[in-house]
């Protein structure tokens, strides 16, 4: 069976910074420069995860929450532990 990490994130579009963080309660927050118009924020969200996780954009899918601040993201070929470690900058 293929490794696949599925996790929920909260996005903040039109932010002054562009980054992925984990807050004190362990929730993943994504800050985006892009406005939530014409899928720009979703594209930037996938782009940020692609860079942060060092994986192809095609491995990252927004499964739920295309038009909302709360999204469910799945990453093929990685475990959830590996995703969390990379977001925290542990490897």
PDB file of N, CA and C in Angstrom:
ATOM      1  N   UNK A   1       0.830  -1.198   0.000  1.00  0.00           N
ATOM      2  CA  UNK A   1       0.000   0.000   0.000  1.00  0.00           C
ATOM      3  C   UNK A   1       0.874   1.261   0.000  1.00  0.00           C
ATOM      4  N   UNK A   2       0.428   2.242  -0.720  1.00  0.00           N
ATOM      5  CA  UNK A   2       1.194   3.478  -0.853  1.00  0.00           C
ATOM      6  C   UNK A   2       1.066   4.333   0.405  1.00  0.00           C
ATOM      7  N   UNK A   3       2.164   4.956   0.796  1.00  0.00           N
ATOM      8  CA  UNK A   3       2.123   5.908   1.905  1.00  0.00           C
ATOM      9  C   UNK A   3       1.346   7.135   1.476  1.00  0.00           C
ATOM     10  N   UNK A   4       0.493   7.603   2.361  1.00  0.00           N
ATOM     11  CA  UNK A   4      -0.248   8.818   2.062  1.00  0.00           C
ATOM     12  C   UNK A   4      -0.563   9.528   3.362  1.00  0.00           C
ATOM     13  N   UNK A   5      -0.172  10.777   3.461  1.00  0.00           N
ATOM     14  CA  UNK A   5      -0.473  11.574   4.647  1.00  0.00           C
ATOM     15  C   UNK A   5      -1.673  12.449   4.355  1.00  0.00           C
ATOM     16  N   UNK A   6      -2.658  12.438   5.255  1.00  0.00           N
ATOM     17  CA  UNK A   6      -3.825  13.296   5.111  1.00  0.00           C
ATOM     18  C   UNK A   6      -3.899  14.145   6.376  1.00  0.00           C
ATOM     19  N   UNK A   7      -4.002  15.447   6.205  1.00  0.00           N
ATOM     20  CA  UNK A   7      -4.036  16.329   7.369  1.00  0.00           C
ATOM     21  C   UNK A   7      -4.835  17.584   7.055  1.00  0.00           C
ATOM     22  N   UNK A   8      -5.307  18.230   8.109  1.00  0.00           N
ATOM     23  CA  UNK A   8      -6.090  19.459   7.966  1.00  0.00           C
ATOM     24  C   UNK A   8      -5.197  20.672   8.209  1.00  0.00           C
ATOM     25  N   UNK A   9      -5.442  21.730   7.456  1.00  0.00           N
ATOM     26  CA  UNK A   9      -4.690  22.968   7.642  1.00  0.00           C
ATOM     27  C   UNK A   9      -5.666  24.145   7.671  1.00  0.00           C
ATOM     28  N   UNK A  10      -5.225  25.230   8.266  1.00  0.00           N
ATOM     29  CA  UNK A  10      -5.969  26.491   8.229  1.00  0.00           C
ATOM     30  C   UNK A  10      -5.129  27.461   7.427  1.00  0.00           C
ATOM     31  N   UNK A  11      -5.738  28.087   6.429  1.00  0.00           N
ATOM     32  CA  UNK A  11      -4.978  29.026   5.605  1.00  0.00           C
ATOM     33  C   UNK A  11      -5.357  30.465   5.937  1.00  0.00           C
ATOM     34  N   UNK A  12      -4.373  31.333   5.822  1.00  0.00           N
ATOM     35  CA  UNK A  12      -4.586  32.777   5.981  1.00  0.00           C
ATOM     36  C   UNK A  12      -4.135  33.458   4.701  1.00  0.00           C
ATOM     37  N   UNK A  13      -5.074  33.692   3.770  1.00  0.00           N
ATOM     38  CA  UNK A  13      -4.704  34.354   2.518  1.00  0.00           C
ATOM     39  C   UNK A  13      -4.369  35.827   2.760  1.00  0.00           C
ATOM     40  N   UNK A  14      -3.757  36.448   1.784  1.00  0.00           N
ATOM     41  CA  UNK A  14      -3.372  37.862   1.820  1.00  0.00           C
ATOM     42  C   UNK A  14      -2.531  38.189   3.053  1.00  0.00           C
ATOM     43  N   UNK A  15      -1.679  37.269   3.439  1.00  0.00           N
ATOM     44  CA  UNK A  15      -0.799  37.486   4.582  1.00  0.00           C
ATOM     45  C   UNK A  15       0.475  38.182   4.116  1.00  0.00           C
ATOM     46  N   UNK A  16       1.206  38.760   5.062  1.00  0.00           N
ATOM     47  CA  UNK A  16       2.446  39.442   4.692  1.00  0.00           C
ATOM     48  C   UNK A  16       3.570  38.440   4.461  1.00  0.00           C
ATOM     49  N   UNK A  17       3.371  37.211   4.930  1.00  0.00           N
ATOM     50  CA  UNK A  17       4.415  36.205   4.732  1.00  0.00           C
ATOM     51  C   UNK A  17       3.832  34.990   4.027  1.00  0.00           C
ATOM     52  N   UNK A  18       4.718  34.132   3.586  1.00  0.00           N
ATOM     53  CA  UNK A  18       4.309  32.940   2.855  1.00  0.00           C
ATOM     54  C   UNK A  18       5.030  31.759   3.496  1.00  0.00           C
ATOM     55  N   UNK A  19       4.345  31.054   4.397  1.00  0.00           N
ATOM     56  CA  UNK A  19       5.012  29.967   5.107  1.00  0.00           C
ATOM     57  C   UNK A  19       4.024  29.001   5.740  1.00  0.00           C
ATOM     58  N   UNK A  20       4.570  27.855   6.172  1.00  0.00           N
ATOM     59  CA  UNK A  20       3.798  26.828   6.869  1.00  0.00           C
ATOM     60  C   UNK A  20       4.333  26.759   8.291  1.00  0.00           C
ATOM     61  N   UNK A  21       3.441  26.777   9.279  1.00  0.00           N
ATOM     62  CA  UNK A  21       3.875  26.660  10.671  1.00  0.00           C
ATOM     63  C   UNK A  21       2.964  25.676  11.411  1.00  0.00           C
ATOM     64  N   UNK A  22       3.431  25.246  12.569  1.00  0.00           N
ATOM     65  CA  UNK A  22       2.596  24.431  13.450  1.00  0.00           C
ATOM     66  C   UNK A  22       2.444  25.224  14.740  1.00  0.00           C
ATOM     67  N   UNK A  23       1.193  25.500  15.145  1.00  0.00           N
ATOM     68  CA  UNK A  23       0.993  26.311  16.337  1.00  0.00           C
ATOM     69  C   UNK A  23       1.116  25.471  17.609  1.00  0.00           C
ATOM     70  N   UNK A  24       0.943  26.111  18.740  1.00  0.00           N
ATOM     71  CA  UNK A  24       1.161  25.458  20.041  1.00  0.00           C
ATOM     72  C   UNK A  24       0.254  24.240  20.234  1.00  0.00           C
ATOM     73  N   UNK A  25      -0.919  24.259  19.633  1.00  0.00           N
ATOM     74  CA  UNK A  25      -1.837  23.137  19.809  1.00  0.00           C
ATOM     75  C   UNK A  25      -1.627  22.045  18.764  1.00  0.00           C
ATOM     76  N   UNK A  26      -0.592  22.213  17.918  1.00  0.00           N
ATOM     77  CA  UNK A  26      -0.278  21.185  16.935  1.00  0.00           C
ATOM     78  C   UNK A  26      -1.023  21.309  15.623  1.00  0.00           C
ATOM     79  N   UNK A  27      -1.740  22.419  15.436  1.00  0.00           N
ATOM     80  CA  UNK A  27      -2.466  22.632  14.179  1.00  0.00           C
ATOM     81  C   UNK A  27      -1.522  23.245  13.139  1.00  0.00           C
ATOM     82  N   UNK A  28      -1.702  22.809  11.892  1.00  0.00           N
ATOM     83  CA  UNK A  28      -0.875  23.337  10.805  1.00  0.00           C
ATOM     84  C   UNK A  28      -1.543  24.597  10.256  1.00  0.00           C
ATOM     85  N   UNK A  29      -0.787  25.684  10.202  1.00  0.00           N
ATOM     86  CA  UNK A  29      -1.293  26.932   9.641  1.00  0.00           C
ATOM     87  C   UNK A  29      -0.451  27.295   8.426  1.00  0.00           C
ATOM     88  N   UNK A  30      -1.123  27.766   7.375  1.00  0.00           N
ATOM     89  CA  UNK A  30      -0.436  28.152   6.152  1.00  0.00           C
ATOM     90  C   UNK A  30      -0.734  29.617   5.883  1.00  0.00           C
ATOM     91  N   UNK A  31       0.329  30.418   5.801  1.00  0.00           N
ATOM     92  CA  UNK A  31       0.179  31.834   5.486  1.00  0.00           C
ATOM     93  C   UNK A  31       0.504  32.031   4.019  1.00  0.00           C
ATOM     94  N   UNK A  32      -0.409  32.692   3.303  1.00  0.00           N
ATOM     95  CA  UNK A  32      -0.263  32.865   1.865  1.00  0.00           C
ATOM     96  C   UNK A  32      -0.283  34.339   1.497  1.00  0.00           C
ATOM     97  N   UNK A  33       0.568  34.730   0.546  1.00  0.00           N
ATOM     98  CA  UNK A  33       0.531  36.096   0.024  1.00  0.00           C
ATOM     99  C   UNK A  33      -0.676  36.299  -0.895  1.00  0.00           C
ATOM    100  N   UNK A  34      -1.043  35.241  -1.589  1.00  0.00           N
ATOM    101  CA  UNK A  34      -2.082  35.339  -2.617  1.00  0.00           C
ATOM    102  C   UNK A  34      -3.461  35.590  -2.027  1.00  0.00           C
ATOM    103  N   UNK A  35      -4.284  36.336  -2.767  1.00  0.00           N
ATOM    104  CA  UNK A  35      -5.679  36.490  -2.358  1.00  0.00           C
ATOM    105  C   UNK A  35      -6.461  35.238  -2.760  1.00  0.00           C
ATOM    106  N   UNK A  36      -7.584  34.976  -2.088  1.00  0.00           N
ATOM    107  CA  UNK A  36      -8.373  33.781  -2.448  1.00  0.00           C
ATOM    108  C   UNK A  36      -9.225  34.018  -3.699  1.00  0.00           C
ATOM    109  N   UNK A  37      -8.560  34.267  -4.820  1.00  0.00           N
ATOM    110  CA  UNK A  37      -9.251  34.579  -6.073  1.00  0.00           C
ATOM    111  C   UNK A  37      -8.748  33.647  -7.166  1.00  0.00           C
ATOM    112  N   UNK A  38      -9.652  33.095  -7.946  1.00  0.00           N
ATOM    113  CA  UNK A  38      -9.302  32.251  -9.099  1.00  0.00           C
ATOM    114  C   UNK A  38      -8.343  31.120  -8.745  1.00  0.00           C
ATOM    115  N   UNK A  39      -8.460  30.580  -7.547  1.00  0.00           N
ATOM    116  CA  UNK A  39      -7.617  29.450  -7.168  1.00  0.00           C
ATOM    117  C   UNK A  39      -6.160  29.808  -6.885  1.00  0.00           C
ATOM    118  N   UNK A  40      -5.843  31.116  -6.826  1.00  0.00           N
ATOM    119  CA  UNK A  40      -4.448  31.530  -6.597  1.00  0.00           C
ATOM    120  C   UNK A  40      -3.946  31.074  -5.239  1.00  0.00           C
ATOM    121  N   UNK A  41      -4.776  31.224  -4.207  1.00  0.00           N
ATOM    122  CA  UNK A  41      -4.356  30.827  -2.861  1.00  0.00           C
ATOM    123  C   UNK A  41      -4.136  29.313  -2.800  1.00  0.00           C
ATOM    124  N   UNK A  42      -5.026  28.536  -3.434  1.00  0.00           N
ATOM    125  CA  UNK A  42      -4.858  27.080  -3.443  1.00  0.00           C
ATOM    126  C   UNK A  42      -3.575  26.686  -4.162  1.00  0.00           C
ATOM    127  N   UNK A  43      -3.286  27.350  -5.264  1.00  0.00           N
ATOM    128  CA  UNK A  43      -2.066  27.053  -6.023  1.00  0.00           C
ATOM    129  C   UNK A  43      -0.838  27.369  -5.187  1.00  0.00           C
ATOM    130  N   UNK A  44      -0.869  28.505  -4.481  1.00  0.00           N
ATOM    131  CA  UNK A  44       0.268  28.875  -3.643  1.00  0.00           C
ATOM    132  C   UNK A  44       0.406  27.897  -2.472  1.00  0.00           C
ATOM    133  N   UNK A  45      -0.718  27.469  -1.924  1.00  0.00           N
ATOM    134  CA  UNK A  45      -0.721  26.499  -0.824  1.00  0.00           C
ATOM    135  C   UNK A  45      -0.003  25.213  -1.252  1.00  0.00           C
ATOM    136  N   UNK A  46      -0.350  24.695  -2.414  1.00  0.00           N
ATOM    137  CA  UNK A  46       0.280  23.474  -2.930  1.00  0.00           C
ATOM    138  C   UNK A  46       1.762  23.729  -3.195  1.00  0.00           C
ATOM    139  N   UNK A  47       2.070  24.901  -3.742  1.00  0.00           N
ATOM    140  CA  UNK A  47       3.452  25.280  -4.031  1.00  0.00           C
ATOM    141  C   UNK A  47       4.305  25.299  -2.760  1.00  0.00           C
ATOM    142  N   UNK A  48       3.773  25.901  -1.702  1.00  0.00           N
ATOM    143  CA  UNK A  48       4.505  25.987  -0.432  1.00  0.00           C
ATOM    144  C   UNK A  48       4.768  24.590   0.129  1.00  0.00           C
ATOM    145  N   UNK A  49       3.730  23.740   0.121  1.00  0.00           N
ATOM    146  CA  UNK A  49       3.926  22.378   0.633  1.00  0.00           C
ATOM    147  C   UNK A  49       4.924  21.604  -0.221  1.00  0.00           C
ATOM    148  N   UNK A  50       4.885  21.823  -1.527  1.00  0.00           N
ATOM    149  CA  UNK A  50       5.816  21.151  -2.429  1.00  0.00           C
ATOM    150  C   UNK A  50       7.258  21.485  -2.061  1.00  0.00           C
ATOM    151  N   UNK A  51       7.527  22.769  -1.815  1.00  0.00           N
ATOM    152  CA  UNK A  51       8.882  23.202  -1.451  1.00  0.00           C
ATOM    153  C   UNK A  51       9.263  22.702  -0.059  1.00  0.00           C
ATOM    154  N   UNK A  52       8.356  22.878   0.889  1.00  0.00           N
ATOM    155  CA  UNK A  52       8.631  22.535   2.285  1.00  0.00           C
ATOM    156  C   UNK A  52       8.876  21.033   2.442  1.00  0.00           C
ATOM    157  N   UNK A  53       8.074  20.226   1.736  1.00  0.00           N
ATOM    158  CA  UNK A  53       8.163  18.769   1.875  1.00  0.00           C
ATOM    159  C   UNK A  53       9.115  18.152   0.857  1.00  0.00           C
ATOM    160  N   UNK A  54       9.641  18.994  -0.043  1.00  0.00           N
ATOM    161  CA  UNK A  54      10.543  18.527  -1.105  1.00  0.00           C
ATOM    162  C   UNK A  54       9.935  17.364  -1.888  1.00  0.00           C
ATOM    163  N   UNK A  55       8.716  17.588  -2.342  1.00  0.00           N
ATOM    164  CA  UNK A  55       8.016  16.584  -3.146  1.00  0.00           C
ATOM    165  C   UNK A  55       7.337  17.280  -4.320  1.00  0.00           C
ATOM    166  N   UNK A  56       6.973  16.519  -5.336  1.00  0.00           N
ATOM    167  CA  UNK A  56       6.358  17.096  -6.536  1.00  0.00           C
ATOM    168  C   UNK A  56       4.964  17.636  -6.220  1.00  0.00           C
ATOM    169  N   UNK A  57       4.601  18.727  -6.894  1.00  0.00           N
ATOM    170  CA  UNK A  57       3.270  19.303  -6.704  1.00  0.00           C
ATOM    171  C   UNK A  57       2.180  18.287  -7.028  1.00  0.00           C
ATOM    172  N   UNK A  58       2.468  17.391  -7.962  1.00  0.00           N
ATOM    173  CA  UNK A  58       1.465  16.397  -8.363  1.00  0.00           C
ATOM    174  C   UNK A  58       1.147  15.414  -7.236  1.00  0.00           C
ATOM    175  N   UNK A  59       2.016  15.349  -6.210  1.00  0.00           N
ATOM    176  CA  UNK A  59       1.760  14.463  -5.066  1.00  0.00           C
ATOM    177  C   UNK A  59       0.847  15.101  -4.026  1.00  0.00           C
ATOM    178  N   UNK A  60       0.541  16.385  -4.199  1.00  0.00           N
ATOM    179  CA  UNK A  60      -0.219  17.125  -3.191  1.00  0.00           C
ATOM    180  C   UNK A  60      -1.594  17.477  -3.740  1.00  0.00           C
ATOM    181  N   UNK A  61      -2.631  17.122  -2.981  1.00  0.00           N
ATOM    182  CA  UNK A  61      -3.999  17.355  -3.427  1.00  0.00           C
ATOM    183  C   UNK A  61      -4.789  18.011  -2.293  1.00  0.00           C
ATOM    184  N   UNK A  62      -5.552  19.045  -2.640  1.00  0.00           N
ATOM    185  CA  UNK A  62      -6.488  19.609  -1.667  1.00  0.00           C
ATOM    186  C   UNK A  62      -7.771  18.797  -1.815  1.00  0.00           C
ATOM    187  N   UNK A  63      -8.024  17.930  -0.837  1.00  0.00           N
ATOM    188  CA  UNK A  63      -9.173  17.028  -0.924  1.00  0.00           C
ATOM    189  C   UNK A  63     -10.475  17.711  -0.549  1.00  0.00           C
ATOM    190  N   UNK A  64     -10.383  18.643   0.388  1.00  0.00           N
ATOM    191  CA  UNK A  64     -11.587  19.294   0.890  1.00  0.00           C
ATOM    192  C   UNK A  64     -11.263  20.746   1.193  1.00  0.00           C
ATOM    193  N   UNK A  65     -12.242  21.618   1.033  1.00  0.00           N
ATOM    194  CA  UNK A  65     -12.055  23.003   1.436  1.00  0.00           C
ATOM    195  C   UNK A  65     -11.470  23.892   0.362  1.00  0.00           C
ATOM    196  N   UNK A  66     -11.772  23.578  -0.897  1.00  0.00           N
ATOM    197  CA  UNK A  66     -11.302  24.403  -2.013  1.00  0.00           C
ATOM    198  C   UNK A  66     -11.629  25.879  -1.832  1.00  0.00           C
ATOM    199  N   UNK A  67     -12.784  26.163  -1.247  1.00  0.00           N
ATOM    200  CA  UNK A  67     -13.243  27.546  -1.153  1.00  0.00           C
ATOM    201  C   UNK A  67     -13.326  28.036   0.283  1.00  0.00           C
ATOM    202  N   UNK A  68     -12.597  27.386   1.178  1.00  0.00           N
ATOM    203  CA  UNK A  68     -12.657  27.812   2.572  1.00  0.00           C
ATOM    204  C   UNK A  68     -11.274  27.954   3.170  1.00  0.00           C
ATOM    205  N   UNK A  69     -11.230  28.435   4.410  1.00  0.00           N
ATOM    206  CA  UNK A  69      -9.958  28.600   5.104  1.00  0.00           C
ATOM    207  C   UNK A  69      -9.446  27.278   5.661  1.00  0.00           C
ATOM    208  N   UNK A  70     -10.372  26.372   5.941  1.00  0.00           N
ATOM    209  CA  UNK A  70      -9.983  25.059   6.466  1.00  0.00           C
ATOM    210  C   UNK A  70      -9.938  24.065   5.319  1.00  0.00           C
ATOM    211  N   UNK A  71      -8.788  23.455   5.137  1.00  0.00           N
ATOM    212  CA  UNK A  71      -8.597  22.529   4.022  1.00  0.00           C
ATOM    213  C   UNK A  71      -8.084  21.192   4.522  1.00  0.00           C
ATOM    214  N   UNK A  72      -8.398  20.144   3.781  1.00  0.00           N
ATOM    215  CA  UNK A  72      -7.802  18.832   4.042  1.00  0.00           C
ATOM    216  C   UNK A  72      -6.873  18.544   2.872  1.00  0.00           C
ATOM    217  N   UNK A  73      -5.632  18.258   3.209  1.00  0.00           N
ATOM    218  CA  UNK A  73      -4.614  18.051   2.183  1.00  0.00           C
ATOM    219  C   UNK A  73      -4.087  16.633   2.269  1.00  0.00           C
ATOM    220  N   UNK A  74      -3.873  16.010   1.121  1.00  0.00           N
ATOM    221  CA  UNK A  74      -3.235  14.687   1.133  1.00  0.00           C
ATOM    222  C   UNK A  74      -1.940  14.765   0.331  1.00  0.00           C
ATOM    223  N   UNK A  75      -0.926  14.075   0.853  1.00  0.00           N
ATOM    224  CA  UNK A  75       0.384  14.039   0.210  1.00  0.00           C
ATOM    225  C   UNK A  75       0.720  12.578  -0.046  1.00  0.00           C
ATOM    226  N   UNK A  76       0.890  12.224  -1.305  1.00  0.00           N
ATOM    227  CA  UNK A  76       1.234  10.849  -1.665  1.00  0.00           C
ATOM    228  C   UNK A  76       2.714  10.597  -1.433  1.00  0.00           C
ATOM    229  N   UNK A  77       3.032   9.374  -1.028  1.00  0.00           N
ATOM    230  CA  UNK A  77       4.426   8.967  -0.915  1.00  0.00           C
ATOM    231  C   UNK A  77       5.115   9.402   0.368  1.00  0.00           C
ATOM    232  N   UNK A  78       4.354   9.912   1.333  1.00  0.00           N
ATOM    233  CA  UNK A  78       4.942  10.336   2.607  1.00  0.00           C
ATOM    234  C   UNK A  78       4.032   9.924   3.754  1.00  0.00           C
ATOM    235  N   UNK A  79       4.624   9.637   4.897  1.00  0.00           N
ATOM    236  CA  UNK A  79       3.821   9.366   6.086  1.00  0.00           C
ATOM    237  C   UNK A  79       3.513  10.693   6.765  1.00  0.00           C
ATOM    238  N   UNK A  80       2.497  10.692   7.612  1.00  0.00           N
ATOM    239  CA  UNK A  80       2.147  11.905   8.351  1.00  0.00           C
ATOM    240  C   UNK A  80       3.305  12.341   9.242  1.00  0.00           C
ATOM    241  N   UNK A  81       4.008  11.365   9.829  1.00  0.00           N
ATOM    242  CA  UNK A  81       5.160  11.677  10.691  1.00  0.00           C
ATOM    243  C   UNK A  81       6.234  12.426   9.894  1.00  0.00           C
ATOM    244  N   UNK A  82       6.489  11.973   8.672  1.00  0.00           N
ATOM    245  CA  UNK A  82       7.506  12.605   7.825  1.00  0.00           C
ATOM    246  C   UNK A  82       7.081  14.023   7.461  1.00  0.00           C
ATOM    247  N   UNK A  83       5.807  14.201   7.161  1.00  0.00           N
ATOM    248  CA  UNK A  83       5.276  15.535   6.816  1.00  0.00           C
ATOM    249  C   UNK A  83       5.465  16.478   8.009  1.00  0.00           C
ATOM    250  N   UNK A  84       5.054  16.034   9.194  1.00  0.00           N
ATOM    251  CA  UNK A  84       5.153  16.880  10.390  1.00  0.00           C
ATOM    252  C   UNK A  84       6.613  17.237  10.684  1.00  0.00           C
ATOM    253  N   UNK A  85       7.496  16.264  10.557  1.00  0.00           N
ATOM    254  CA  UNK A  85       8.918  16.509  10.825  1.00  0.00           C
ATOM    255  C   UNK A  85       9.477  17.551   9.867  1.00  0.00           C
ATOM    256  N   UNK A  86       9.080  17.467   8.589  1.00  0.00           N
ATOM    257  CA  UNK A  86       9.586  18.434   7.608  1.00  0.00           C
ATOM    258  C   UNK A  86       9.023  19.830   7.865  1.00  0.00           C
ATOM    259  N   UNK A  87       7.747  19.914   8.248  1.00  0.00           N
ATOM    260  CA  UNK A  87       7.156  21.224   8.539  1.00  0.00           C
ATOM    261  C   UNK A  87       7.867  21.854   9.742  1.00  0.00           C
ATOM    262  N   UNK A  88       8.193  21.018  10.726  1.00  0.00           N
ATOM    263  CA  UNK A  88       8.887  21.520  11.918  1.00  0.00           C
ATOM    264  C   UNK A  88      10.352  21.803  11.630  1.00  0.00           C
ATOM    265  N   UNK A  89      10.823  21.386  10.461  1.00  0.00           N
ATOM    266  CA  UNK A  89      12.205  21.638  10.083  1.00  0.00           C
ATOM    267  C   UNK A  89      13.192  20.673  10.708  1.00  0.00           C
ATOM    268  N   UNK A  90      12.708  19.470  11.003  1.00  0.00           N
ATOM    269  CA  UNK A  90      13.587  18.499  11.658  1.00  0.00           C
ATOM    270  C   UNK A  90      14.449  17.709  10.685  1.00  0.00           C
ATOM    271  N   UNK A  91      14.155  17.821   9.389  1.00  0.00           N
ATOM    272  CA  UNK A  91      15.027  17.140   8.421  1.00  0.00           C
ATOM    273  C   UNK A  91      14.933  17.769   7.042  1.00  0.00           C
TER     274      UNK A  91
END
